[in-house]
Each structure stands twice: as structure tokens, then as C-alpha cells.
Amino acid sequence: SSGDGDTTDPPPFDGNTRKWTIMVYLAGDNNLEDPALVDLNEMEIAGSTEDVNILVEIDRAQGYSTADGNWTGARRYLVEQDDNRNSIGSSVQVDLGEVDSGSTDAYIDFIEWSVENFPAEQYALIIWNHGWGWTMAPMSGRKGISSDDQSGNSISIANGEYEEIIAAAAEVTGDRLTLVGMDACLMANWEIARITAEYADVYVASQATESIAGWAFDTALSDLNDSPEM
């Protein structure tokens, strides 16, 4: 991995709390590495504004994509507007080196960094990866999201790891999350929604398998930029 611990100071906080901070964790340390980079480029079509912060932590794999210089490890970005869908133009805020995207610590650290540096009236957390829901899994109990090939770990729903993350998010923000989203397959289960309901107002997920293209971040975030009061 490159640049372990290297950081770029985020833009100075101007005293104005934004309407939204959107936190997207692109857990791409697996065979979804290339789609993760595609979706980051989609987010740049919208970009952050004076009302909306779009923040990304992306964890890459080895051997699936050579795009963007073929760096490895994980980075954090404040997503900046850029019409080029084939090249990431946003500035790296933090170069983390290797992280375990199957650990609660990685998620909670990203959320704490986001809220501290980019405060907002409303917060959204979007988890991006493969998903196995609650029951569509082998008897070994592999039920969850966010697989990390490097560590072999993932975030379990049934074992309480997902709840640990969103409970921490609610505590850090001092309020319920406005939205929790799962850009992953098979995550619209009653059991997962019931856990989420304790900590968030809106839950967005798919009850079926998703296409590899996932969410349409370019149009969805552009709509939010156009109407940040939504």
C-alpha cells in the first residue's frame, strides 16, 4: 500500500454547518474493486456543494483493477465536481494504507472523522459492497455485508456488528441518522430494518440482488444538490 498515514488537511471549516453530510463507505477490497472506482466517478458528476458534503472512504483490492494509478489500501475523499467519468479528480483527504473493511473500527473511525470535519444538519451513511442479508447464507452464519478479501472479515448483522456501527454513528452525530443505505444485494430484510429503525429515519436497500452497477449516484446526488431541503 502507499502512503500509510499520509494526510491532507480538509478544507478549513467556514463556520457554516451544511444541510447534509453523505458518508459513503466503498468497501472494494474484493472483486468489486473496479465498480467501486466507477461509483466514485459517478459521485463526482454531482460533487459536494455549499449545502452538501459528499465523503467517501474507498478500500481497494489487488489484482482486479489498475485504474487511477493502481494504488492500494484505503483513502478518504471529499468528492469534488468533475465531469470526467474515467478519472478521479477529487483531492485525497487521508491516505490510510491498508485497513480492514470487515471491521467495525474502520467504519466508526470514518464516521467520527466525517462528523468532526464536516458537520451538517442531517447525516446519511451508505454501505457499499456485497450483501448476504439475514437468511440467504450458509449455516455457518455468514450473514452481513462488507467483505474484505485481505482480512477475510465482513460486517455481521446477526452478531451485532452492524448495530455497533450505526449506534456509534447516532452517538457521534448526537441524533438519529436521517438515512442509512445499503448499496448491496439482499439487504432489505425485516430483521435489518428493525435494527436500523432504532438509529435512523429512512432505510434504503434492495430485497433482491442488485446489478453490478449499483446505485445511480450521479443522478441521485445531483437531485439532492438541486433540492437539499429534501
Protein backbone atom coordinates (compact mmCIF):
# COMPACT_ATOMS: atom_id res chain seq x y z
CA SER A 1 0.00 0.00 0.00
CA SER A 2 1.07 3.57 -0.48
CA GLY A 3 1.49 6.48 1.88
CA ASP A 4 0.41 4.91 5.16
CA GLY A 5 -0.88 7.67 7.39
CA ASP A 6 -0.36 10.49 4.89
CA THR A 7 -2.98 13.18 5.35
CA THR A 8 -4.18 16.29 3.64
CA ASP A 9 -5.94 18.74 5.92
CA PRO A 10 -9.60 19.09 4.95
CA PRO A 11 -10.74 22.49 3.75
CA PRO A 12 -11.00 24.86 6.72
CA PHE A 13 -14.42 24.75 8.32
CA ASP A 14 -16.04 28.06 7.42
CA GLY A 15 -18.44 28.10 10.36
CA ASN A 16 -21.43 27.12 8.24
CA THR A 17 -22.94 23.75 9.04
CA ARG A 18 -24.01 22.12 5.79
CA LYS A 19 -27.51 20.76 5.27
CA TRP A 20 -26.20 17.26 4.53
CA THR A 21 -23.12 15.15 5.06
CA ILE A 22 -23.29 11.97 2.98
CA MET A 23 -20.84 9.30 4.18
CA VAL A 24 -20.24 6.53 1.64
CA TYR A 25 -18.03 3.57 2.53
CA LEU A 26 -16.90 1.89 -0.69
CA ALA A 27 -15.70 -1.50 0.57
CA GLY A 28 -13.89 -2.53 -2.59
CA ASP A 29 -11.16 -4.79 -1.17
CA ASN A 30 -12.64 -7.67 -3.17
CA ASN A 31 -13.80 -8.43 -6.72
CA LEU A 32 -15.87 -5.21 -6.76
CA GLU A 33 -12.77 -3.01 -6.87
CA ASP A 34 -13.48 -1.71 -10.37
CA PRO A 35 -17.18 -0.89 -9.75
CA ALA A 36 -16.12 0.98 -6.60
CA LEU A 37 -13.96 3.30 -8.68
CA VAL A 38 -16.77 3.68 -11.23
CA ASP A 39 -19.18 4.73 -8.50
CA LEU A 40 -16.71 7.25 -7.06
CA ASN A 41 -16.52 8.79 -10.53
CA GLU A 42 -20.33 8.84 -10.61
CA MET A 43 -20.39 10.79 -7.35
CA GLU A 44 -18.04 13.35 -8.88
CA ILE A 45 -20.66 14.12 -11.54
CA ALA A 46 -22.64 15.67 -8.67
CA GLY A 47 -19.82 16.74 -6.32
CA SER A 48 -20.01 18.48 -2.97
CA THR A 49 -21.66 21.91 -2.70
CA GLU A 50 -22.18 24.66 -0.15
CA ASP A 51 -25.13 22.62 1.13
CA VAL A 52 -23.98 19.02 0.70
CA ASN A 53 -20.75 17.27 1.73
CA ILE A 54 -20.13 14.01 -0.11
CA LEU A 55 -17.48 12.00 1.71
CA VAL A 56 -16.04 8.66 0.62
CA GLU A 57 -13.76 6.08 2.15
CA ILE A 58 -12.69 3.63 -0.55
CA ASP A 59 -10.74 0.46 0.21
CA ARG A 60 -9.13 -1.12 -2.85
CA ALA A 61 -8.03 -4.66 -3.62
CA GLN A 62 -5.09 -6.08 -5.52
CA GLY A 63 -5.45 -7.66 -8.93
CA TYR A 64 -8.87 -6.57 -10.13
CA SER A 65 -8.31 -3.05 -11.48
CA THR A 66 -5.29 -0.97 -12.45
CA ALA A 67 -7.28 2.27 -12.73
CA ASP A 68 -6.23 5.55 -11.09
CA GLY A 69 -2.59 4.55 -10.82
CA ASN A 70 -3.30 1.11 -9.31
CA TRP A 71 -2.77 2.33 -5.75
CA THR A 72 -3.73 0.00 -2.93
CA GLY A 73 -5.01 0.43 0.60
CA ALA A 74 -7.73 2.90 1.54
CA ARG A 75 -8.27 6.63 1.03
CA ARG A 76 -10.77 9.25 2.11
CA TYR A 77 -12.10 11.86 -0.29
CA LEU A 78 -14.20 14.99 -0.17
CA VAL A 79 -15.90 14.43 -3.50
CA GLU A 80 -15.42 17.36 -5.86
CA GLN A 81 -17.42 18.04 -9.03
CA ASP A 82 -15.78 16.57 -12.11
CA ASP A 83 -17.42 15.59 -15.43
CA ASN A 84 -14.74 13.02 -16.31
CA ARG A 85 -16.20 9.58 -15.58
CA ASN A 86 -12.89 7.82 -16.22
CA SER A 87 -10.59 9.65 -13.84
CA ILE A 88 -10.87 10.55 -10.16
CA GLY A 89 -10.32 14.28 -9.75
CA SER A 90 -11.14 14.74 -6.06
CA SER A 91 -8.38 15.52 -3.59
CA VAL A 92 -7.26 12.79 -1.21
CA GLN A 93 -8.06 13.92 2.33
CA VAL A 94 -6.46 10.97 4.13
CA ASP A 95 -4.33 8.09 2.83
CA LEU A 96 -4.93 5.32 5.36
CA GLY A 97 -2.84 2.50 3.91
CA GLU A 98 -4.27 -0.97 4.49
CA VAL A 99 -7.49 -1.14 6.52
CA ASP A 100 -9.87 -3.97 7.41
CA SER A 101 -13.21 -3.07 5.85
CA GLY A 102 -14.71 -6.08 7.60
CA SER A 103 -14.16 -4.43 10.99
CA THR A 104 -16.41 -2.11 12.94
CA ASP A 105 -13.41 0.04 13.84
CA ALA A 106 -12.84 1.07 10.21
CA TYR A 107 -16.43 2.26 9.84
CA ILE A 108 -16.61 4.06 13.16
CA ASP A 109 -13.31 5.86 12.53
CA PHE A 110 -14.61 7.06 9.15
CA ILE A 111 -17.85 8.30 10.71
CA GLU A 112 -16.04 10.12 13.53
CA TRP A 113 -13.68 11.81 11.05
CA SER A 114 -16.60 12.82 8.83
CA VAL A 115 -18.69 14.37 11.59
CA GLU A 116 -15.75 16.16 13.20
CA ASN A 117 -14.53 17.73 9.97
CA PHE A 118 -17.78 18.12 8.01
CA PRO A 119 -20.67 18.87 10.40
CA ALA A 120 -24.18 19.01 8.99
CA GLU A 121 -27.82 19.26 9.96
CA GLN A 122 -28.52 15.79 8.53
CA TYR A 123 -26.32 12.75 8.02
CA ALA A 124 -26.55 9.75 5.71
CA LEU A 125 -24.45 6.58 5.92
CA ILE A 126 -24.25 4.36 2.84
CA ILE A 127 -22.54 0.98 2.97
CA TRP A 128 -21.40 -0.32 -0.43
CA ASN A 129 -20.36 -3.91 -1.07
CA HIS A 130 -21.59 -7.47 -1.47
CA GLY A 131 -24.54 -8.24 0.81
CA TRP A 132 -25.95 -11.52 2.14
CA GLY A 133 -28.87 -10.22 4.16
CA TRP A 134 -30.06 -12.23 7.13
CA THR A 135 -31.06 -15.64 5.82
CA MET A 136 -29.61 -16.03 2.31
CA ALA A 137 -26.42 -17.53 3.69
CA PRO A 138 -24.87 -20.91 4.58
CA MET A 139 -25.45 -22.45 8.00
CA SER A 140 -22.08 -21.13 9.17
CA GLY A 141 -23.87 -17.83 9.74
CA ARG A 142 -22.22 -15.65 7.11
CA LYS A 143 -24.93 -13.03 7.18
CA GLY A 144 -23.93 -9.46 6.56
CA ILE A 145 -22.10 -7.04 4.32
CA SER A 146 -18.69 -5.52 3.58
CA SER A 147 -16.38 -8.41 2.78
CA ASP A 148 -12.65 -7.67 2.87
CA ASP A 149 -10.54 -10.15 0.92
CA GLN A 150 -7.31 -9.03 2.56
CA SER A 151 -8.52 -9.76 6.10
CA GLY A 152 -11.19 -12.35 5.32
CA ASN A 153 -13.64 -10.47 7.55
CA SER A 154 -17.07 -8.94 6.99
CA ILE A 155 -19.63 -6.97 8.99
CA SER A 156 -22.17 -9.30 10.57
CA ILE A 157 -25.78 -8.30 11.03
CA ALA A 158 -26.82 -11.26 13.16
CA ASN A 159 -23.83 -10.94 15.51
CA GLY A 160 -24.40 -7.26 16.25
CA GLU A 161 -21.52 -5.64 14.37
CA TYR A 162 -23.77 -3.60 12.09
CA GLU A 163 -25.73 -2.29 15.08
CA GLU A 164 -22.46 -1.31 16.77
CA ILE A 165 -21.62 0.85 13.75
CA ILE A 166 -24.93 2.68 13.43
CA ALA A 167 -25.29 3.09 17.20
CA ALA A 168 -21.87 4.75 17.22
CA ALA A 169 -22.96 6.96 14.30
CA ALA A 170 -26.05 8.11 16.17
CA GLU A 171 -23.94 8.87 19.23
CA VAL A 172 -21.28 10.77 17.28
CA THR A 173 -23.83 12.89 15.42
CA GLY A 174 -25.82 13.47 18.61
CA ASP A 175 -29.02 12.44 16.86
CA ARG A 176 -30.56 9.78 14.68
CA LEU A 177 -29.16 9.39 11.20
CA THR A 178 -31.52 10.74 8.58
CA LEU A 179 -30.74 7.90 6.18
CA VAL A 180 -28.96 4.56 6.15
CA GLY A 181 -28.47 2.95 2.76
CA MET A 182 -27.11 -0.39 1.60
CA ASP A 183 -25.78 -0.40 -1.95
CA ALA A 184 -25.59 -4.19 -1.87
CA CYS A 185 -27.64 -7.27 -2.61
CA LEU A 186 -30.31 -8.79 -0.38
CA MET A 187 -30.24 -6.27 2.49
CA ALA A 188 -33.93 -5.24 2.62
CA ASN A 189 -34.83 -7.76 5.32
CA TRP A 190 -37.24 -7.08 8.17
CA GLU A 191 -34.56 -8.03 10.70
CA ILE A 192 -32.07 -5.49 9.36
CA ALA A 193 -34.71 -2.76 9.04
CA ARG A 194 -35.81 -3.40 12.64
CA ILE A 195 -32.28 -2.80 13.90
CA THR A 196 -31.86 0.28 11.71
CA ALA A 197 -35.15 1.78 12.91
CA GLU A 198 -33.61 2.40 16.33
CA TYR A 199 -31.00 4.74 14.87
CA ALA A 200 -32.23 6.17 11.55
CA ASP A 201 -35.33 7.67 9.97
CA VAL A 202 -35.05 6.14 6.48
CA TYR A 203 -33.62 2.80 5.37
CA VAL A 204 -32.86 2.21 1.67
CA ALA A 205 -31.96 -1.28 0.49
CA SER A 206 -32.78 -3.96 -2.07
CA GLN A 207 -34.72 -7.12 -1.25
CA ALA A 208 -33.24 -8.73 -4.37
CA THR A 209 -29.82 -8.95 -5.97
CA GLU A 210 -28.54 -5.67 -7.41
CA SER A 211 -26.79 -5.15 -10.71
CA ILE A 212 -23.04 -4.68 -10.52
CA ALA A 213 -23.62 -1.02 -11.40
CA GLY A 214 -25.40 -0.49 -8.08
CA TRP A 215 -26.98 2.83 -7.23
CA ALA A 216 -27.13 5.73 -9.67
CA PHE A 217 -25.05 8.10 -7.55
CA ASP A 218 -24.68 10.63 -10.38
CA THR A 219 -28.40 11.36 -10.68
CA ALA A 220 -29.37 10.73 -7.04
CA LEU A 221 -26.76 13.08 -5.59
CA SER A 222 -27.39 15.67 -8.29
CA ASP A 223 -31.06 15.63 -7.27
CA LEU A 224 -30.04 16.20 -3.66
CA ASN A 225 -27.77 19.06 -4.68
CA ASP A 226 -30.66 20.63 -6.57
CA SER A 227 -33.03 20.25 -3.61
CA PRO A 228 -31.01 19.98 -0.39
CA GLU A 229 -34.16 20.61 1.65
CA MET A 230 -35.48 17.15 0.69
